[in-house]
C-alpha atoms as a PDB file:
ATOM      1  CA  UNK A   1     123.589 115.899 137.705  1.00  0.00           C
ATOM      2  CA  UNK A   2     124.431 117.779 134.495  1.00  0.00           C
ATOM      3  CA  UNK A   3     127.840 116.141 134.501  1.00  0.00           C
ATOM      4  CA  UNK A   4     126.073 112.798 134.042  1.00  0.00           C
ATOM      5  CA  UNK A   5     124.304 114.209 130.968  1.00  0.00           C
ATOM      6  CA  UNK A   6     127.548 115.121 129.177  1.00  0.00           C
ATOM      7  CA  UNK A   7     127.802 111.772 127.333  1.00  0.00           C
ATOM      8  CA  UNK A   8     124.210 112.202 126.138  1.00  0.00           C
ATOM      9  CA  UNK A   9     125.017 115.743 125.001  1.00  0.00           C
ATOM     10  CA  UNK A  10     128.081 114.442 123.148  1.00  0.00           C
ATOM     11  CA  UNK A  11     125.945 111.751 121.498  1.00  0.00           C
ATOM     12  CA  UNK A  12     123.380 114.363 120.415  1.00  0.00           C
ATOM     13  CA  UNK A  13     126.126 116.608 119.045  1.00  0.00           C
ATOM     14  CA  UNK A  14     127.596 113.682 117.114  1.00  0.00           C
ATOM     15  CA  UNK A  15     124.157 112.888 115.714  1.00  0.00           C
ATOM     16  CA  UNK A  16     123.687 116.531 114.686  1.00  0.00           C
ATOM     17  CA  UNK A  17     127.116 116.368 112.996  1.00  0.00           C
ATOM     18  CA  UNK A  18     125.959 113.359 110.973  1.00  0.00           C
ATOM     19  CA  UNK A  19     122.799 115.249 110.017  1.00  0.00           C
ATOM     20  CA  UNK A  20     125.080 118.116 108.944  1.00  0.00           C
ATOM     21  CA  UNK A  21     126.995 115.726 106.698  1.00  0.00           C
ATOM     22  CA  UNK A  22     123.694 114.572 105.214  1.00  0.00           C
ATOM     23  CA  UNK A  23     122.703 118.182 104.510  1.00  0.00           C
ATOM     24  CA  UNK A  24     126.004 118.743 102.739  1.00  0.00           C
ATOM     25  CA  UNK A  25     125.150 115.845 100.423  1.00  0.00           C
ATOM     26  CA  UNK A  26     121.643 117.249  99.960  1.00  0.00           C
ATOM     27  CA  UNK A  27     123.201 120.588  98.958  1.00  0.00           C
ATOM     28  CA  UNK A  28     125.425 118.821  96.447  1.00  0.00           C
ATOM     29  CA  UNK A  29     122.460 116.900  95.015  1.00  0.00           C
ATOM     30  CA  UNK A  30     120.480 120.117  94.794  1.00  0.00           C
ATOM     31  CA  UNK A  31     123.289 121.883  92.929  1.00  0.00           C
ATOM     32  CA  UNK A  32     123.517 118.998  90.480  1.00  0.00           C
ATOM     33  CA  UNK A  33     119.752 118.954  89.989  1.00  0.00           C
ATOM     34  CA  UNK A  34     119.501 122.705  89.423  1.00  0.00           C
ATOM     35  CA  UNK A  35     122.432 122.635  86.987  1.00  0.00           C
ATOM     36  CA  UNK A  36     120.893 119.724  85.096  1.00  0.00           C
ATOM     37  CA  UNK A  37     117.492 121.433  84.949  1.00  0.00           C
ATOM     38  CA  UNK A  38     119.008 124.661  83.660  1.00  0.00           C
ATOM     39  CA  UNK A  39     121.135 122.914  81.043  1.00  0.00           C
ATOM     40  CA  UNK A  40     118.186 120.823  79.827  1.00  0.00           C
ATOM     41  CA  UNK A  41     115.868 123.804  79.765  1.00  0.00           C
ATOM     42  CA  UNK A  42     118.169 126.109  77.822  1.00  0.00           C
ATOM     43  CA  UNK A  43     119.862 123.635  75.493  1.00  0.00           C
ATOM     44  CA  UNK A  44     117.024 121.237  74.684  1.00  0.00           C
ATOM     45  CA  UNK A  45     113.908 123.114  75.868  1.00  0.00           C
ATOM     46  CA  UNK A  46     113.140 120.202  78.184  1.00  0.00           C
ATOM     47  CA  UNK A  47     111.567 120.830  81.575  1.00  0.00           C
ATOM     48  CA  UNK A  48     110.041 118.676  84.256  1.00  0.00           C
ATOM     49  CA  UNK A  49     107.557 119.679  86.936  1.00  0.00           C
ATOM     50  CA  UNK A  50     108.784 116.768  89.036  1.00  0.00           C
ATOM     51  CA  UNK A  51     112.415 117.951  88.855  1.00  0.00           C
ATOM     52  CA  UNK A  52     111.493 121.545  89.695  1.00  0.00           C
ATOM     53  CA  UNK A  53     109.433 120.427  92.681  1.00  0.00           C
ATOM     54  CA  UNK A  54     112.299 118.204  93.792  1.00  0.00           C
ATOM     55  CA  UNK A  55     114.499 121.324  93.906  1.00  0.00           C
ATOM     56  CA  UNK A  56     112.081 122.922  96.368  1.00  0.00           C
ATOM     57  CA  UNK A  57     111.823 119.737  98.417  1.00  0.00           C
ATOM     58  CA  UNK A  58     115.610 119.450  98.618  1.00  0.00           C
ATOM     59  CA  UNK A  59     115.816 123.107  99.637  1.00  0.00           C
ATOM     60  CA  UNK A  60     113.295 122.461 102.411  1.00  0.00           C
ATOM     61  CA  UNK A  61     115.336 119.457 103.579  1.00  0.00           C
ATOM     62  CA  UNK A  62     118.548 121.475 103.420  1.00  0.00           C
ATOM     63  CA  UNK A  63     117.121 124.266 105.554  1.00  0.00           C
ATOM     64  CA  UNK A  64     115.116 122.231 108.055  1.00  0.00           C
ATOM     65  CA  UNK A  65     117.756 119.570 108.616  1.00  0.00           C
ATOM     66  CA  UNK A  66     120.707 121.955 108.407  1.00  0.00           C
ATOM     67  CA  UNK A  67     119.560 124.631 110.847  1.00  0.00           C
ATOM     68  CA  UNK A  68     120.464 122.596 113.946  1.00  0.00           C
ATOM     69  CA  UNK A  69     123.932 121.874 112.551  1.00  0.00           C
ATOM     70  CA  UNK A  70     124.506 125.534 111.650  1.00  0.00           C
ATOM     71  CA  UNK A  71     123.448 126.583 115.136  1.00  0.00           C
ATOM     72  CA  UNK A  72     125.668 123.957 116.750  1.00  0.00           C
ATOM     73  CA  UNK A  73     128.640 125.247 114.759  1.00  0.00           C
ATOM     74  CA  UNK A  74     127.880 128.866 115.621  1.00  0.00           C
ATOM     75  CA  UNK A  75     127.262 129.737 111.984  1.00  0.00           C
ATOM     76  CA  UNK A  76     123.929 131.358 112.667  1.00  0.00           C
ATOM     77  CA  UNK A  77     123.396 135.055 112.075  1.00  0.00           C
ATOM     78  CA  UNK A  78     123.589 136.981 115.324  1.00  0.00           C
ATOM     79  CA  UNK A  79     123.793 140.639 116.194  1.00  0.00           C
ATOM     80  CA  UNK A  80     126.888 141.022 118.363  1.00  0.00           C
ATOM     81  CA  UNK A  81     126.623 144.757 118.898  1.00  0.00           C
ATOM     82  CA  UNK A  82     126.177 144.401 122.659  1.00  0.00           C
ATOM     83  CA  UNK A  83     126.904 140.710 123.204  1.00  0.00           C
ATOM     84  CA  UNK A  84     130.568 141.009 122.186  1.00  0.00           C
ATOM     85  CA  UNK A  85     131.182 143.458 125.049  1.00  0.00           C
ATOM     86  CA  UNK A  86     129.394 141.393 127.715  1.00  0.00           C
ATOM     87  CA  UNK A  87     131.466 139.703 130.420  1.00  0.00           C
ATOM     88  CA  UNK A  88     131.552 135.883 130.260  1.00  0.00           C
ATOM     89  CA  UNK A  89     128.898 135.297 132.975  1.00  0.00           C
ATOM     90  CA  UNK A  90     126.433 137.602 131.218  1.00  0.00           C
ATOM     91  CA  UNK A  91     127.144 135.952 127.859  1.00  0.00           C
ATOM     92  CA  UNK A  92     126.429 132.614 129.482  1.00  0.00           C
ATOM     93  CA  UNK A  93     123.141 133.898 130.917  1.00  0.00           C
ATOM     94  CA  UNK A  94     122.117 135.304 127.535  1.00  0.00           C
ATOM     95  CA  UNK A  95     123.029 131.986 125.868  1.00  0.00           C
ATOM     96  CA  UNK A  96     120.952 130.020 128.396  1.00  0.00           C
ATOM     97  CA  UNK A  97     117.987 132.347 127.941  1.00  0.00           C
ATOM     98  CA  UNK A  98     118.309 132.177 124.140  1.00  0.00           C
ATOM     99  CA  UNK A  99     118.492 128.367 124.240  1.00  0.00           C
ATOM    100  CA  UNK A 100     115.378 128.159 126.416  1.00  0.00           C
ATOM    101  CA  UNK A 101     113.530 130.563 124.142  1.00  0.00           C
ATOM    102  CA  UNK A 102     114.532 128.609 121.035  1.00  0.00           C
ATOM    103  CA  UNK A 103     113.416 125.353 122.657  1.00  0.00           C
ATOM    104  CA  UNK A 104     110.050 126.937 123.467  1.00  0.00           C
ATOM    105  CA  UNK A 105     109.555 128.252 119.934  1.00  0.00           C
ATOM    106  CA  UNK A 106     110.699 124.936 118.433  1.00  0.00           C
ATOM    107  CA  UNK A 107     108.268 122.921 120.576  1.00  0.00           C
ATOM    108  CA  UNK A 108     105.508 125.295 119.468  1.00  0.00           C
ATOM    109  CA  UNK A 109     106.445 124.744 115.802  1.00  0.00           C
ATOM    110  CA  UNK A 110     106.446 120.982 116.359  1.00  0.00           C
ATOM    111  CA  UNK A 111     103.021 121.046 118.019  1.00  0.00           C
ATOM    112  CA  UNK A 112     101.526 123.239 115.323  1.00  0.00           C
ATOM    113  CA  UNK A 113     103.008 121.287 112.423  1.00  0.00           C
ATOM    114  CA  UNK A 114     101.999 117.782 113.484  1.00  0.00           C
ATOM    115  CA  UNK A 115      98.345 118.341 112.529  1.00  0.00           C
ATOM    116  CA  UNK A 116      99.457 119.912 109.263  1.00  0.00           C
ATOM    117  CA  UNK A 117     101.548 116.850 108.403  1.00  0.00           C
ATOM    118  CA  UNK A 118      98.835 114.414 109.507  1.00  0.00           C
ATOM    119  CA  UNK A 119      96.186 116.163 107.432  1.00  0.00           C
ATOM    120  CA  UNK A 120      98.454 115.992 104.383  1.00  0.00           C
ATOM    121  CA  UNK A 121      99.102 112.293 105.004  1.00  0.00           C
ATOM    122  CA  UNK A 122      95.427 111.504 105.606  1.00  0.00           C
ATOM    123  CA  UNK A 123      94.341 112.962 102.273  1.00  0.00           C
ATOM    124  CA  UNK A 124      97.396 111.570 100.464  1.00  0.00           C
ATOM    125  CA  UNK A 125      98.224 115.097  99.319  1.00  0.00           C
ATOM    126  CA  UNK A 126     100.319 115.302  96.218  1.00  0.00           C
ATOM    127  CA  UNK A 127     101.367 117.996  93.850  1.00  0.00           C
ATOM    128  CA  UNK A 128      98.505 119.923  92.262  1.00  0.00           C
ATOM    129  CA  UNK A 129     100.514 120.035  89.035  1.00  0.00           C
ATOM    130  CA  UNK A 130     100.438 117.193  86.509  1.00  0.00           C
ATOM    131  CA  UNK A 131     103.679 115.256  86.697  1.00  0.00           C
ATOM    132  CA  UNK A 132     104.471 116.629  90.153  1.00  0.00           C
ATOM    133  CA  UNK A 133     105.718 114.772  93.206  1.00  0.00           C
ATOM    134  CA  UNK A 134     103.154 112.688  95.123  1.00  0.00           C
ATOM    135  CA  UNK A 135     103.105 112.158  98.892  1.00  0.00           C
ATOM    136  CA  UNK A 136     103.706 115.763  99.860  1.00  0.00           C
ATOM    137  CA  UNK A 137     103.334 114.835 103.533  1.00  0.00           C
ATOM    138  CA  UNK A 138     106.867 113.431 103.458  1.00  0.00           C
ATOM    139  CA  UNK A 139     108.425 116.835 102.798  1.00  0.00           C
ATOM    140  CA  UNK A 140     105.996 118.439 105.265  1.00  0.00           C
ATOM    141  CA  UNK A 141     107.173 115.987 107.925  1.00  0.00           C
ATOM    142  CA  UNK A 142     110.564 117.693 107.745  1.00  0.00           C
ATOM    143  CA  UNK A 143     109.052 120.606 109.692  1.00  0.00           C
ATOM    144  CA  UNK A 144     108.580 118.789 113.019  1.00  0.00           C
ATOM    145  CA  UNK A 145     111.732 116.756 112.364  1.00  0.00           C
ATOM    146  CA  UNK A 146     113.859 119.852 111.780  1.00  0.00           C
ATOM    147  CA  UNK A 147     112.526 121.611 114.855  1.00  0.00           C
ATOM    148  CA  UNK A 148     112.945 118.413 116.866  1.00  0.00           C
ATOM    149  CA  UNK A 149     116.614 118.436 115.899  1.00  0.00           C
ATOM    150  CA  UNK A 150     116.810 122.050 117.061  1.00  0.00           C
ATOM    151  CA  UNK A 151     115.355 121.050 120.440  1.00  0.00           C
ATOM    152  CA  UNK A 152     117.915 118.253 120.786  1.00  0.00           C
ATOM    153  CA  UNK A 153     120.778 120.526 119.775  1.00  0.00           C
ATOM    154  CA  UNK A 154     119.718 123.229 122.232  1.00  0.00           C
ATOM    155  CA  UNK A 155     119.331 120.698 125.053  1.00  0.00           C
ATOM    156  CA  UNK A 156     122.903 119.522 124.414  1.00  0.00           C
ATOM    157  CA  UNK A 157     123.982 123.171 124.300  1.00  0.00           C
ATOM    158  CA  UNK A 158     122.280 123.804 127.664  1.00  0.00           C
ATOM    159  CA  UNK A 159     124.045 120.833 129.221  1.00  0.00           C
ATOM    160  CA  UNK A 160     127.374 122.249 128.070  1.00  0.00           C
ATOM    161  CA  UNK A 161     126.492 125.772 129.219  1.00  0.00           C
ATOM    162  CA  UNK A 162     125.298 124.683 132.646  1.00  0.00           C
ATOM    163  CA  UNK A 163     127.990 122.090 133.356  1.00  0.00           C
ATOM    164  CA  UNK A 164     130.577 123.590 135.690  1.00  0.00           C
ATOM    165  CA  UNK A 165     133.631 122.443 133.707  1.00  0.00           C
ATOM    166  CA  UNK A 166     132.263 123.220 130.248  1.00  0.00           C
ATOM    167  CA  UNK A 167     130.112 126.281 130.887  1.00  0.00           C
ATOM    168  CA  UNK A 168     132.911 128.840 130.878  1.00  0.00           C
ATOM    169  CA  UNK A 169     134.544 127.253 127.839  1.00  0.00           C
ATOM    170  CA  UNK A 170     131.188 127.118 126.003  1.00  0.00           C
ATOM    171  CA  UNK A 171     130.566 130.825 126.712  1.00  0.00           C
ATOM    172  CA  UNK A 172     134.015 131.675 125.311  1.00  0.00           C
ATOM    173  CA  UNK A 173     133.353 129.572 122.195  1.00  0.00           C
ATOM    174  CA  UNK A 174     130.254 131.578 121.349  1.00  0.00           C
END
């Protein structure tokens, strides 16, 4: 059964890779924006609330969209004090348990954030500062989107972990 899900897992992983490419561009845009803001502020004493808020919005996008890609690539922070010494079957069991726990927490974040986003959209929430960015619900919608990507990534990871041919290789990769 899980063998039949491998193409879906590969599709999800490819999608997460494309999201990772998008986050790289977001990071580049953010660097350019911060550099421009700093140069304008210190050379011409020019500042913009809108540009400063955009920095925070890009940072939110970078984090929420990039976390699934970082996890897929194994670039997350992990304490390997005990894990590194575990035999492969125990590592696999720990990875499965961790994936299930992350899916549970992510679904909880999605459920809790949907009302938050809808409330922001319903009142057409914008920046409280003059000259700030309107439609704040758009950046808030990155919360359920980012955690949804984490759920997808972890489901693909579970398929790889639990597939007979890939499971041992996946445990070695981590």
